[in-house]
Amino acid sequence: MTRPILTIRPEPGCGATVAAGAEASLAIAGCPLLELRAVAWQVPPGPFDGLLLGSPNALRLGGQAVDSLVDKPVYAVGKATAEAARQRGFAIARIGEEGLQQLLESLAPANLRLLRLAGRERVALSPPPGLTIGTAIVYEAKDLALSDEAATLLRGGALVLLHSGAAARRLAAECDRLAIHRRDIALAALSPRIAEAAGPGWAALRSAAEPTEAALLALAREMCHDPPRD
């Protein structure tokens, strides 16, 4: 028996994962549990030596104020975020692959003041000596309900792809609300931090070998053939 695969990330990422799955010959159903919305913001007082980005969403939802910062080099987590910044006209100073905290630590002992463009729910950071981080909140997430179709997949022992800690927590909350047993559901997470956010009690919970879509889909291909727990 093969587990059905479900992605719950917000759009446009949800559709992108479904399409990437199709290219990899994986049928993936989509049901976003979060909707990302822009919020009004202003560039805080500087000066800043660069921008710190953990997601392309900050660029996509940041509006015209983002364009006023195009002269600042970008310190980005992940190739997708870096590419989105390049397409917006930014120069890339550094690309990290293991999260924002690791990226900051790789910059030490540089003396830099960075502006972080982020969502309202975000990972807490501890800048190393010499680094100062200012933060601008440019978007927020609205909770969405699990569809009847997605709930049926979960009750049937689906494999869920987790791209963020917020999505992982949202899935757990919806399962609890609808009395869907966690023990029936397998989870494939983009990183160990995201896996930890899902909490306990799942049929299986594993993290991708590296925090990339390709690695997550490779893990999904492996896990979807694992038999559901009796």
Protein backbone atom coordinates (compact mmCIF):
# COMPACT_ATOMS: atom_id res chain seq x y z
CA MET A 1 0.00 0.00 0.00
CA THR A 2 1.29 3.47 -0.89
CA ARG A 3 0.53 6.43 1.33
CA PRO A 4 -1.07 9.42 -0.40
CA ILE A 5 1.08 12.57 -0.15
CA LEU A 6 -0.24 15.94 1.01
CA THR A 7 1.40 19.37 1.08
CA ILE A 8 -0.05 22.00 3.42
CA ARG A 9 2.27 24.96 2.74
CA PRO A 10 0.80 28.35 1.80
CA GLU A 11 0.36 29.42 -1.81
CA PRO A 12 2.18 29.92 -4.09
CA GLY A 13 4.47 27.34 -2.54
CA CYS A 14 1.72 24.73 -2.37
CA GLY A 15 1.19 24.76 -6.11
CA ALA A 16 4.95 24.76 -6.71
CA THR A 17 5.36 21.62 -4.59
CA VAL A 18 2.49 19.88 -6.38
CA ALA A 19 4.13 20.73 -9.72
CA ALA A 20 7.57 19.61 -8.52
CA GLY A 21 6.03 16.35 -7.38
CA ALA A 22 4.46 15.79 -10.79
CA GLU A 23 7.85 16.31 -12.45
CA ALA A 24 9.28 13.69 -10.07
CA SER A 25 6.37 11.29 -10.80
CA LEU A 26 4.88 11.83 -7.34
CA ALA A 27 1.17 12.58 -7.04
CA ILE A 28 0.82 15.25 -4.34
CA ALA A 29 -2.45 16.75 -3.14
CA GLY A 30 -2.46 20.33 -1.90
CA CYS A 31 -4.36 21.90 0.99
CA PRO A 32 -2.79 25.10 2.37
CA LEU A 33 -3.36 25.51 6.11
CA LEU A 34 -1.99 29.06 6.14
CA GLU A 35 -2.57 32.13 3.99
CA LEU A 36 0.22 34.70 3.88
CA ARG A 37 -0.81 38.36 3.81
CA ALA A 38 1.18 41.54 3.46
CA VAL A 39 1.14 44.01 6.34
CA ALA A 40 1.83 47.74 6.28
CA TRP A 41 5.43 48.50 7.23
CA GLN A 42 8.15 51.09 6.94
CA VAL A 43 11.89 50.74 6.69
CA PRO A 44 13.24 51.29 10.22
CA PRO A 45 15.96 53.84 10.90
CA GLY A 46 19.35 52.68 9.67
CA PRO A 47 21.94 52.58 8.52
CA PHE A 48 22.01 48.92 7.47
CA ASP A 49 24.81 47.06 5.75
CA GLY A 50 22.56 44.41 4.21
CA LEU A 51 19.31 42.47 4.33
CA LEU A 52 18.74 39.16 6.09
CA LEU A 53 16.16 36.97 4.35
CA GLY A 54 14.86 33.57 5.39
CA SER A 55 12.11 33.24 2.78
CA PRO A 56 11.11 34.57 -0.65
CA ASN A 57 7.80 35.59 0.96
CA ALA A 58 9.40 38.69 2.44
CA LEU A 59 10.27 39.88 -1.07
CA ARG A 60 6.96 38.82 -2.61
CA LEU A 61 4.84 40.51 0.06
CA GLY A 62 7.11 43.37 1.08
CA GLY A 63 5.76 45.79 -1.51
CA GLN A 64 7.46 48.88 -2.85
CA ALA A 65 9.43 49.48 0.32
CA VAL A 66 11.54 46.43 -0.59
CA ASP A 67 12.61 48.13 -3.81
CA SER A 68 13.95 51.09 -1.84
CA LEU A 69 16.49 48.69 -0.30
CA VAL A 70 17.81 47.24 -3.55
CA ASP A 71 21.23 48.78 -2.95
CA LYS A 72 21.71 46.55 0.12
CA PRO A 73 23.39 43.15 -0.36
CA VAL A 74 21.30 40.15 0.67
CA TYR A 75 22.24 37.42 3.12
CA ALA A 76 19.79 34.67 2.21
CA VAL A 77 18.87 31.25 3.54
CA GLY A 78 18.50 28.83 0.65
CA LYS A 79 18.99 29.04 -3.08
CA ALA A 80 15.31 29.78 -3.73
CA THR A 81 15.41 32.89 -1.54
CA ALA A 82 18.68 34.01 -3.11
CA GLU A 83 17.30 33.56 -6.62
CA ALA A 84 14.15 35.53 -5.75
CA ALA A 85 16.39 38.34 -4.49
CA ARG A 86 18.49 38.28 -7.65
CA GLN A 87 15.38 38.54 -9.80
CA ARG A 88 14.31 41.56 -7.73
CA GLY A 89 17.66 43.23 -8.50
CA PHE A 90 19.59 42.52 -5.30
CA ALA A 91 23.21 41.46 -5.08
CA ILE A 92 23.81 38.31 -3.02
CA ALA A 93 26.45 38.53 -0.31
CA ARG A 94 26.04 35.06 1.23
CA ILE A 95 23.77 32.01 0.91
CA GLY A 96 23.22 29.79 3.94
CA GLU A 97 21.71 26.32 3.74
CA GLU A 98 21.13 25.41 7.39
CA GLY A 99 18.94 28.18 8.75
CA LEU A 100 19.25 31.82 9.75
CA GLN A 101 21.17 31.18 12.97
CA GLN A 102 23.84 29.17 11.17
CA LEU A 103 24.08 31.84 8.50
CA LEU A 104 24.69 34.52 11.13
CA GLU A 105 27.35 32.43 12.83
CA SER A 106 29.12 31.94 9.50
CA LEU A 107 29.46 35.74 9.23
CA ALA A 108 31.29 36.21 12.53
CA PRO A 109 33.43 38.09 13.39
CA ALA A 110 32.19 40.57 10.77
CA ASN A 111 30.95 43.91 12.08
CA LEU A 112 27.59 44.22 10.33
CA ARG A 113 24.18 45.74 10.97
CA LEU A 114 21.54 43.76 9.05
CA LEU A 115 17.84 44.40 8.49
CA ARG A 116 15.77 41.24 8.73
CA LEU A 117 12.59 41.17 6.62
CA ALA A 118 10.35 38.57 8.20
CA GLY A 119 6.88 37.27 8.95
CA ARG A 120 5.10 38.01 12.21
CA GLU A 121 5.83 34.45 13.37
CA ARG A 122 9.55 33.93 13.03
CA VAL A 123 12.51 32.04 14.42
CA ALA A 124 14.28 33.73 17.32
CA LEU A 125 17.91 34.58 16.57
CA SER A 126 21.00 35.11 18.72
CA PRO A 127 23.44 37.26 16.73
CA PRO A 128 27.12 36.57 17.43
CA PRO A 129 29.34 39.44 18.62
CA GLY A 130 29.77 42.12 15.98
CA LEU A 131 26.39 41.55 14.34
CA THR A 132 23.34 43.70 14.98
CA ILE A 133 19.92 42.69 13.64
CA GLY A 134 17.01 45.06 13.08
CA THR A 135 13.67 43.47 12.19
CA ALA A 136 10.81 44.63 9.96
CA ILE A 137 7.59 42.56 9.92
CA VAL A 138 6.33 42.57 6.33
CA TYR A 139 3.76 39.74 6.30
CA GLU A 140 1.65 37.55 8.55
CA ALA A 141 -0.12 34.20 8.33
CA LYS A 142 -3.85 33.58 8.64
CA ASP A 143 -5.01 30.12 9.74
CA LEU A 144 -6.99 28.09 7.21
CA ALA A 145 -9.13 25.03 7.89
CA LEU A 146 -8.39 21.53 6.66
CA SER A 147 -10.60 20.61 3.72
CA ASP A 148 -12.87 17.56 3.83
CA GLU A 149 -10.80 15.96 1.07
CA ALA A 150 -7.55 16.50 2.98
CA ALA A 151 -9.09 15.22 6.21
CA THR A 152 -10.08 12.03 4.40
CA LEU A 153 -6.51 11.59 3.17
CA LEU A 154 -5.16 12.04 6.69
CA ARG A 155 -7.58 9.53 8.16
CA GLY A 156 -6.47 7.11 5.47
CA GLY A 157 -2.83 7.34 6.52
CA ALA A 158 -1.38 10.13 4.38
CA LEU A 159 2.20 11.36 4.30
CA VAL A 160 2.33 15.12 4.93
CA LEU A 161 5.16 17.36 3.72
CA LEU A 162 6.19 20.03 6.23
CA HIS A 163 7.95 23.13 4.91
CA SER A 164 7.78 25.30 8.05
CA GLY A 165 7.32 25.12 11.78
CA ALA A 166 4.15 27.20 11.51
CA ALA A 167 2.61 24.70 9.08
CA ALA A 168 3.64 21.80 11.33
CA ARG A 169 1.92 23.36 14.34
CA ARG A 170 -1.13 24.18 12.26
CA LEU A 171 -1.43 20.57 11.10
CA ALA A 172 -1.24 19.32 14.67
CA ALA A 173 -3.95 21.79 15.74
CA GLU A 174 -6.29 20.77 12.91
CA CYS A 175 -5.80 17.07 13.62
CA ASP A 176 -6.67 17.68 17.26
CA ARG A 177 -9.70 19.81 16.34
CA LEU A 178 -11.10 17.18 13.98
CA ALA A 179 -10.12 14.18 16.15
CA ILE A 180 -7.82 12.80 13.44
CA HIS A 181 -5.38 10.37 15.04
CA ARG A 182 -1.76 11.42 14.69
CA ARG A 183 -0.71 7.76 14.84
CA ASP A 184 -2.16 7.27 11.35
CA ILE A 185 -0.15 10.08 9.72
CA ALA A 186 3.48 10.14 8.57
CA LEU A 187 5.42 13.39 8.33
CA ALA A 188 8.36 14.36 6.11
CA ALA A 189 9.94 17.64 7.27
CA LEU A 190 12.29 19.99 5.49
CA SER A 191 14.56 20.22 8.56
CA PRO A 192 14.89 18.84 12.09
CA ARG A 193 13.69 22.16 13.54
CA ILE A 194 10.47 21.87 11.55
CA ALA A 195 10.05 18.24 12.56
CA GLU A 196 10.37 19.21 16.22
CA ALA A 197 7.58 21.78 15.83
CA ALA A 198 5.11 19.04 14.85
CA GLY A 199 5.20 17.50 18.31
CA PRO A 200 4.90 13.81 19.23
CA GLY A 201 2.60 10.92 18.38
CA TRP A 202 2.90 10.57 14.60
CA ALA A 203 3.21 7.27 12.77
CA ALA A 204 6.57 8.40 11.40
CA LEU A 205 8.52 11.66 11.50
CA ARG A 206 11.69 12.15 9.46
CA SER A 207 13.71 15.08 8.15
CA ALA A 208 15.16 15.55 4.67
CA ALA A 209 18.90 15.00 4.20
CA GLU A 210 19.22 18.71 3.39
CA PRO A 211 16.71 21.59 3.48
CA THR A 212 15.81 21.56 -0.21
CA GLU A 213 12.65 20.66 -2.10
CA ALA A 214 14.50 17.96 -4.03
CA ALA A 215 15.68 16.29 -0.82
CA LEU A 216 12.20 16.51 0.71
CA LEU A 217 10.63 14.89 -2.35
CA ALA A 218 13.26 12.15 -2.29
CA LEU A 219 12.36 11.46 1.33
CA ALA A 220 8.65 11.48 0.44
CA ARG A 221 9.24 8.92 -2.30
CA GLU A 222 10.87 6.64 0.26
CA MET A 223 8.36 7.19 3.04
CA CYS A 224 5.19 6.88 0.97
CA HIS A 225 5.95 3.18 0.54
CA ASP A 226 6.23 2.57 4.27
CA PRO A 227 3.19 0.60 5.47
CA PRO A 228 0.73 2.49 7.68
CA ARG A 229 0.80 1.57 11.36
CA ASP A 230 -1.80 -0.99 12.44
